[in-house]
Protein backbone atom coordinates (compact mmCIF):
# COMPACT_ATOMS: atom_id res chain seq x y z
CA MET A 1 -26.39 40.99 33.55
CA MET A 2 -23.62 38.72 32.07
CA MET A 3 -20.57 40.18 30.53
CA PRO A 4 -18.48 37.44 29.50
CA ASP A 5 -14.97 37.99 30.38
CA ASP A 6 -13.18 36.83 27.14
CA LEU A 7 -14.48 39.61 25.40
CA LYS A 8 -13.53 43.63 24.60
CA TYR A 9 -16.13 46.06 24.97
CA THR A 10 -16.66 49.52 23.58
CA LYS A 11 -18.77 52.77 25.29
CA ASP A 12 -21.23 52.39 22.39
CA HIS A 13 -22.05 48.92 23.65
CA GLU A 14 -20.60 46.48 21.30
CA TRP A 15 -18.44 43.61 22.03
CA VAL A 16 -15.60 42.32 20.20
CA ARG A 17 -14.42 38.45 20.56
CA ILE A 18 -10.49 38.28 19.04
CA GLU A 19 -9.91 34.91 17.10
CA GLY A 20 -6.32 35.49 16.19
CA SER A 21 -6.46 38.14 13.01
CA GLU A 22 -10.20 38.37 12.90
CA ALA A 23 -13.03 40.11 15.47
CA VAL A 24 -16.28 38.62 16.00
CA LEU A 25 -18.76 41.65 16.73
CA GLY A 26 -22.16 41.81 18.26
CA ILE A 27 -23.96 43.93 21.06
CA THR A 28 -23.97 43.69 24.33
CA GLU A 29 -26.71 42.39 26.51
CA HIS A 30 -27.34 45.56 28.08
CA ALA A 31 -27.65 47.29 24.52
CA GLN A 32 -30.56 44.76 23.26
CA SER A 33 -32.50 45.28 26.50
CA GLU A 34 -32.24 48.78 25.97
CA LEU A 35 -33.47 48.57 22.55
CA GLY A 36 -36.18 45.86 23.40
CA ASP A 37 -37.34 43.36 20.55
CA ILE A 38 -35.41 43.50 17.75
CA THR A 39 -37.34 43.45 14.35
CA PHE A 40 -34.78 44.10 11.59
CA ILE A 41 -31.01 44.61 11.33
CA GLU A 42 -29.21 46.00 8.06
CA LEU A 43 -25.92 43.72 8.08
CA PRO A 44 -22.68 45.40 6.39
CA GLU A 45 -21.25 44.18 2.96
CA THR A 46 -18.32 42.02 2.97
CA GLU A 47 -15.07 42.97 1.76
CA LYS A 48 -16.00 46.43 3.00
CA GLU A 49 -13.04 48.57 4.44
CA VAL A 50 -14.11 49.89 8.05
CA ASN A 51 -12.51 52.08 9.94
CA GLN A 52 -12.84 52.20 14.15
CA SER A 53 -15.98 53.98 15.27
CA ASP A 54 -17.51 53.52 11.54
CA THR A 55 -21.19 52.60 11.30
CA VAL A 56 -21.09 49.01 10.01
CA ALA A 57 -24.70 48.07 10.86
CA THR A 58 -28.29 49.46 11.92
CA ILE A 59 -30.56 47.73 14.20
CA GLU A 60 -34.36 48.31 14.29
CA SER A 61 -36.26 47.70 17.40
CA VAL A 62 -39.69 48.25 18.51
CA LYS A 63 -38.41 51.49 20.58
CA ALA A 64 -35.81 52.94 18.11
CA ALA A 65 -33.25 52.51 15.22
CA SER A 66 -29.56 52.33 16.37
CA ASP A 67 -26.48 52.16 14.65
CA ILE A 68 -23.51 49.75 15.14
CA TYR A 69 -19.93 50.94 15.27
CA ALA A 70 -16.88 48.91 14.03
CA PRO A 71 -14.79 48.68 17.07
CA LEU A 72 -11.43 47.98 15.26
CA SER A 73 -10.29 48.93 11.25
CA GLY A 74 -10.36 46.56 8.98
CA LYS A 75 -12.28 44.40 6.18
CA ILE A 76 -15.59 42.75 6.90
CA VAL A 77 -15.15 38.88 6.11
CA GLY A 78 -18.08 37.63 7.17
CA VAL A 79 -21.53 38.53 8.36
CA ASN A 80 -24.51 36.67 10.30
CA GLU A 81 -26.54 35.71 7.37
CA LEU A 82 -28.97 34.11 10.42
CA LEU A 83 -30.33 37.38 11.11
CA LYS A 84 -31.70 38.20 7.83
CA ASP A 85 -34.63 36.26 8.97
CA ALA A 86 -34.42 36.17 12.64
CA PRO A 87 -33.03 39.33 13.88
CA GLU A 88 -34.29 38.48 17.17
CA SER A 89 -31.64 36.04 17.51
CA ILE A 90 -29.59 39.42 19.25
CA ASN A 91 -32.37 39.48 22.08
CA ARG A 92 -32.05 35.82 22.95
CA SER A 93 -28.47 35.14 22.35
CA PRO A 94 -26.62 38.72 22.19
CA TYR A 95 -23.04 36.69 22.83
CA LYS A 96 -23.41 33.53 20.92
CA ASP A 97 -26.10 33.35 17.87
CA GLY A 98 -26.68 37.29 17.91
CA TRP A 99 -22.94 38.23 16.23
CA ILE A 100 -23.36 40.56 13.55
CA CYS A 101 -20.42 40.47 11.30
CA ARG A 102 -16.68 39.63 11.52
CA ILE A 103 -13.64 41.93 10.85
CA ASN A 104 -10.11 41.24 9.75
CA ILE A 105 -8.23 43.48 11.92
CA LYS A 106 -6.02 46.14 10.43
CA ASN A 107 -4.41 47.91 13.34
CA PRO A 108 -4.20 44.99 16.30
CA GLU A 109 -2.87 48.02 18.50
CA GLU A 110 -6.44 49.73 18.37
CA GLN A 111 -7.66 47.01 21.22
CA ASP A 112 -6.05 49.24 23.48
CA ASN A 113 -9.01 51.33 23.26
CA LEU A 114 -11.68 48.68 24.26
CA MET A 115 -12.61 48.10 27.98
CA SER A 116 -12.44 44.75 29.72
CA ALA A 117 -15.55 43.38 31.17
CA ALA A 118 -14.89 44.79 34.22
CA GLU A 119 -14.01 48.05 33.05
CA TYR A 120 -17.36 47.82 30.87
CA GLU A 121 -19.13 46.80 34.00
CA LYS A 122 -18.02 50.20 36.08
CA PHE A 123 -18.73 52.15 32.57
CA LEU A 124 -22.14 50.96 32.88
CA GLN A 125 -22.59 51.82 36.27
CA GLY A 126 -21.59 55.69 35.67
CA GLU A 127 -23.93 55.98 33.01
């Protein structure tokens, strides 16, 4: 299973790529494979303020509906419009085309609560 080293991970199976003062958010390959074929995503509203662990989006698949949580506090500054018409992009490319939203980071120190790829891999083995 792919887990890029340049990303941070949450226990709820989100990934985060830090790009300066912004965080790009998506779900991991593990999460999308557990969900199965993704059929719909409710994207967050831009300009919405979120706190770490707030629900920011909801994904529906053939198996279940699942909430996506904010890995960091901040303001939603962009969403992946592609997912409105092609939510299956998350299945095909969870780390590239399947990103969900961008958050302008409010508290950079919250990154300390996230896992490295190696830590996430160990976490998955313990599940």
